[in-house]
């Protein structure tokens, strides 16, 4: 039996911006009736904005999150093994990038299922593009410690790595901790280190600014509370 494909379908980075998803992705989305998503509720909300051809009663959703057991997860590609195409959806942005979907992609490769990544918004790449920092050498570090002493230590280590490797260092934070993260960064990093704040990317409230730490200390920081953000630091040699 011919196996189905696993389509990696990007989701918008916020509400009311479905136009950031290419039409060819929407066309594929409308042809699918099996989805793997972190939360079925969020996935349904996104699909609804695309004016789907099928009713939700015709669609099947598997939830992949911290409550999913390995036994449950191992069944998520059974439909693909039987010939049906399956869609992997992120909560926001690209599946499998800073996203639990990577384990599903790995499973697909192991099972010989064709993986089809699709074009869509990535907050990580959009932030790097808009930062003016080194796009030839960069490292995504994900989430750093929520504890200020450990966070300060990690930021100093990333700053040293940036200078040593001529490398942009990219980080993400839980939106409700953005203010604390920025406060620690401004207290910890060297005055000439460049620091980018990029939040609400692709949304009407989008904000992207790169300044030296010295200049940031003299700038009124916007309210970043509960706004999805990416942070980048760079030490230019």
Protein backbone atom coordinates (compact mmCIF):
# COMPACT_ATOMS: atom_id res chain seq x y z
CA UNK A 1 0.00 0.00 0.00
CA UNK A 2 1.26 3.47 -0.88
CA UNK A 3 1.93 5.61 2.18
CA UNK A 4 0.51 9.07 2.67
CA UNK A 5 2.61 12.18 3.15
CA UNK A 6 3.26 14.32 6.22
CA UNK A 7 2.68 17.99 5.39
CA UNK A 8 4.30 20.52 7.72
CA UNK A 9 1.82 23.39 7.72
CA UNK A 10 2.79 26.77 9.21
CA UNK A 11 0.23 28.69 11.24
CA UNK A 12 -0.12 32.48 11.56
CA UNK A 13 1.84 34.21 14.33
CA UNK A 14 -1.31 35.85 15.71
CA UNK A 15 -5.00 36.44 15.16
CA UNK A 16 -6.48 37.93 12.00
CA UNK A 17 -3.34 37.47 9.88
CA UNK A 18 -4.24 34.34 7.93
CA UNK A 19 -3.16 36.30 4.83
CA UNK A 20 0.46 35.54 5.84
CA UNK A 21 -0.12 31.90 4.87
CA UNK A 22 0.41 31.26 1.12
CA UNK A 23 -2.60 30.15 -0.88
CA UNK A 24 -0.95 26.91 -1.95
CA UNK A 25 -0.62 25.96 1.73
CA UNK A 26 -4.31 26.69 2.30
CA UNK A 27 -5.18 24.50 -0.68
CA UNK A 28 -3.26 21.58 0.81
CA UNK A 29 -4.81 22.25 4.22
CA UNK A 30 -8.31 21.99 2.74
CA UNK A 31 -7.52 18.62 1.19
CA UNK A 32 -6.50 17.07 4.52
CA UNK A 33 -8.76 15.52 7.11
CA UNK A 34 -6.17 14.26 9.63
CA UNK A 35 -4.12 16.69 11.73
CA UNK A 36 -1.53 16.54 14.48
CA UNK A 37 -1.44 19.70 16.62
CA UNK A 38 -0.37 20.87 20.05
CA UNK A 39 -3.95 21.90 20.81
CA UNK A 40 -6.94 20.85 18.73
CA UNK A 41 -8.84 23.99 19.77
CA UNK A 42 -6.15 26.30 18.34
CA UNK A 43 -5.85 24.20 15.19
CA UNK A 44 -9.61 24.36 14.60
CA UNK A 45 -9.62 28.12 15.13
CA UNK A 46 -6.91 28.58 12.49
CA UNK A 47 -8.57 26.20 10.03
CA UNK A 48 -11.89 28.00 10.49
CA UNK A 49 -10.32 31.30 9.33
CA UNK A 50 -9.35 29.66 6.03
CA UNK A 51 -12.98 28.85 5.16
CA UNK A 52 -12.47 25.09 4.85
CA UNK A 53 -14.38 22.90 2.43
CA UNK A 54 -14.98 20.17 5.02
CA UNK A 55 -16.95 20.31 8.25
CA UNK A 56 -15.11 19.74 11.52
CA UNK A 57 -17.05 16.51 12.01
CA UNK A 58 -15.09 15.19 9.01
CA UNK A 59 -11.71 16.07 10.51
CA UNK A 60 -9.60 14.08 12.96
CA UNK A 61 -7.19 15.74 15.39
CA UNK A 62 -4.37 14.23 17.44
CA UNK A 63 -2.95 16.37 20.25
CA UNK A 64 0.82 16.41 20.74
CA UNK A 65 1.83 18.07 23.99
CA UNK A 66 3.40 17.33 27.38
CA UNK A 67 0.38 15.19 28.34
CA UNK A 68 0.73 12.94 25.28
CA UNK A 69 2.14 9.52 26.19
CA UNK A 70 4.72 7.80 23.97
CA UNK A 71 2.17 5.04 23.32
CA UNK A 72 -0.38 7.58 22.06
CA UNK A 73 2.22 9.43 20.00
CA UNK A 74 3.32 6.24 18.26
CA UNK A 75 -0.17 5.89 16.72
CA UNK A 76 -0.34 9.39 15.22
CA UNK A 77 1.07 8.35 11.84
CA UNK A 78 -1.04 5.21 11.47
CA UNK A 79 -3.29 7.05 9.01
CA UNK A 80 -0.27 7.95 6.87
CA UNK A 81 0.88 4.33 6.93
CA UNK A 82 -2.56 3.42 5.51
CA UNK A 83 -2.25 5.89 2.64
CA UNK A 84 -3.83 9.09 4.03
CA UNK A 85 -2.01 12.42 3.98
CA UNK A 86 -1.56 14.00 7.41
CA UNK A 87 -0.98 17.63 8.39
CA UNK A 88 1.33 18.69 11.23
CA UNK A 89 0.32 22.12 12.59
CA UNK A 90 2.22 24.41 14.96
CA UNK A 91 0.54 26.66 17.53
CA UNK A 92 2.18 29.55 15.68
CA UNK A 93 4.80 29.66 12.95
CA UNK A 94 6.58 26.67 11.50
CA UNK A 95 6.05 23.12 12.76
CA UNK A 96 9.04 21.32 14.30
CA UNK A 97 11.02 24.56 14.85
CA UNK A 98 10.97 25.44 18.57
CA UNK A 99 7.94 23.17 18.50
CA UNK A 100 7.19 19.62 19.76
CA UNK A 101 6.34 18.48 16.23
CA UNK A 102 9.98 17.59 15.54
CA UNK A 103 9.45 14.16 17.09
CA UNK A 104 6.66 13.45 14.57
CA UNK A 105 8.91 14.41 11.67
CA UNK A 106 11.59 12.09 13.02
CA UNK A 107 9.03 9.28 13.24
CA UNK A 108 7.95 9.93 9.65
CA UNK A 109 11.50 9.53 8.39
CA UNK A 110 11.91 6.32 10.36
CA UNK A 111 8.68 4.94 8.87
CA UNK A 112 9.53 5.94 5.30
CA UNK A 113 6.77 8.56 5.11
CA UNK A 114 7.51 11.47 2.78
CA UNK A 115 7.88 14.78 4.65
CA UNK A 116 6.74 17.96 2.88
CA UNK A 117 7.74 21.22 4.63
CA UNK A 118 5.65 24.18 3.49
CA UNK A 119 6.34 27.91 3.32
CA UNK A 120 5.03 30.21 6.05
CA UNK A 121 6.01 32.69 8.76
CA UNK A 122 8.86 31.88 11.14
CA UNK A 123 9.32 34.38 13.95
CA UNK A 124 12.94 33.29 14.35
CA UNK A 125 13.93 34.02 10.75
CA UNK A 126 11.76 37.15 10.52
CA UNK A 127 13.45 38.57 13.63
CA UNK A 128 16.92 37.77 12.28
CA UNK A 129 16.05 39.30 8.90
CA UNK A 130 14.86 42.49 10.57
CA UNK A 131 17.65 42.76 13.14
CA UNK A 132 20.53 43.81 10.90
CA UNK A 133 22.72 41.27 12.67
CA UNK A 134 24.86 38.47 11.24
CA UNK A 135 22.64 36.26 9.09
CA UNK A 136 25.58 34.11 7.96
CA UNK A 137 26.43 32.80 11.42
CA UNK A 138 23.66 32.47 14.00
CA UNK A 139 22.46 30.18 16.76
CA UNK A 140 18.94 29.69 18.12
CA UNK A 141 19.14 29.01 21.85
CA UNK A 142 15.45 28.60 22.64
CA UNK A 143 14.33 29.45 26.17
CA UNK A 144 16.88 30.50 28.79
CA UNK A 145 16.52 30.11 32.55
CA UNK A 146 13.62 31.95 34.23
CA UNK A 147 15.83 32.51 37.29
CA UNK A 148 17.62 35.86 37.09
CA UNK A 149 21.08 34.78 38.38
CA UNK A 150 21.20 31.84 35.98
CA UNK A 151 19.75 33.94 33.15
CA UNK A 152 22.45 36.57 33.66
CA UNK A 153 25.11 33.87 33.56
CA UNK A 154 23.69 32.41 30.34
CA UNK A 155 23.47 35.83 28.69
CA UNK A 156 27.14 36.50 29.49
CA UNK A 157 28.06 33.12 28.02
CA UNK A 158 26.10 33.84 24.83
CA UNK A 159 27.68 37.27 24.60
CA UNK A 160 31.14 35.71 24.82
CA UNK A 161 30.20 33.10 22.21
CA UNK A 162 28.90 35.82 19.89
CA UNK A 163 32.16 37.73 20.06
CA UNK A 164 34.30 34.61 19.75
CA UNK A 165 32.40 33.12 16.79
CA UNK A 166 31.06 36.33 15.17
CA UNK A 167 27.62 34.80 15.66
CA UNK A 168 24.15 36.22 16.27
CA UNK A 169 22.57 34.62 19.34
CA UNK A 170 18.78 34.21 19.12
CA UNK A 171 16.49 33.59 22.11
CA UNK A 172 12.80 33.27 22.86
CA UNK A 173 10.93 33.86 26.10
CA UNK A 174 7.54 33.03 27.57
CA UNK A 175 5.53 36.21 26.80
CA UNK A 176 4.64 36.97 30.42
CA UNK A 177 8.38 37.01 31.32
CA UNK A 178 9.50 39.36 28.52
CA UNK A 179 9.86 42.37 30.82
CA UNK A 180 12.03 40.52 33.31
CA UNK A 181 14.15 39.09 30.49
CA UNK A 182 14.86 42.49 28.97
CA UNK A 183 15.57 44.02 32.37
CA UNK A 184 18.18 41.34 33.08
CA UNK A 185 19.72 41.68 29.61
CA UNK A 186 20.13 45.44 29.97
CA UNK A 187 21.77 45.03 33.38
CA UNK A 188 24.04 42.17 32.28
CA UNK A 189 25.28 42.75 28.74
CA UNK A 190 28.19 45.02 27.78
CA UNK A 191 27.36 48.58 26.63
CA UNK A 192 28.44 48.02 23.00
CA UNK A 193 26.67 44.69 22.54
CA UNK A 194 23.85 45.03 20.01
CA UNK A 195 20.46 43.82 21.18
CA UNK A 196 17.31 43.33 19.12
CA UNK A 197 13.75 43.18 20.40
CA UNK A 198 11.29 41.79 17.84
CA UNK A 199 7.70 41.24 18.92
CA UNK A 200 4.26 40.75 17.36
CA UNK A 201 5.91 39.87 14.05
CA UNK A 202 3.55 40.08 11.03
CA UNK A 203 0.87 41.69 13.24
CA UNK A 204 -0.37 45.30 13.02
CA UNK A 205 1.45 45.96 16.33
CA UNK A 206 4.79 44.62 15.04
CA UNK A 207 7.85 46.10 16.76
CA UNK A 208 11.48 45.50 15.68
CA UNK A 209 14.35 47.59 17.03
CA UNK A 210 18.10 46.98 17.28
CA UNK A 211 20.25 49.19 19.47
CA UNK A 212 23.40 48.92 21.53
CA UNK A 213 22.81 48.05 25.18
CA UNK A 214 24.08 51.53 26.02
CA UNK A 215 21.36 53.09 23.85
CA UNK A 216 18.66 50.71 25.10
CA UNK A 217 19.41 51.84 28.64
CA UNK A 218 18.44 55.36 27.60
CA UNK A 219 15.30 54.23 25.74
CA UNK A 220 11.81 53.73 27.07
CA UNK A 221 11.14 50.03 26.54
CA UNK A 222 7.66 49.29 25.12
CA UNK A 223 5.25 47.17 27.09
CA UNK A 224 6.11 43.62 26.03
CA UNK A 225 3.87 41.80 28.48
CA UNK A 226 2.18 38.80 26.87
CA UNK A 227 3.45 39.80 23.40
CA UNK A 228 5.26 36.99 21.52
CA UNK A 229 8.87 38.11 21.17
CA UNK A 230 12.27 37.09 19.87
CA UNK A 231 15.50 38.54 21.26
CA UNK A 232 18.89 38.62 19.53
CA UNK A 233 22.30 39.73 20.77
CA UNK A 234 25.39 40.27 18.69
CA UNK A 235 28.94 41.35 19.47
CA UNK A 236 30.50 42.75 16.32
CA UNK A 237 34.26 42.17 16.13
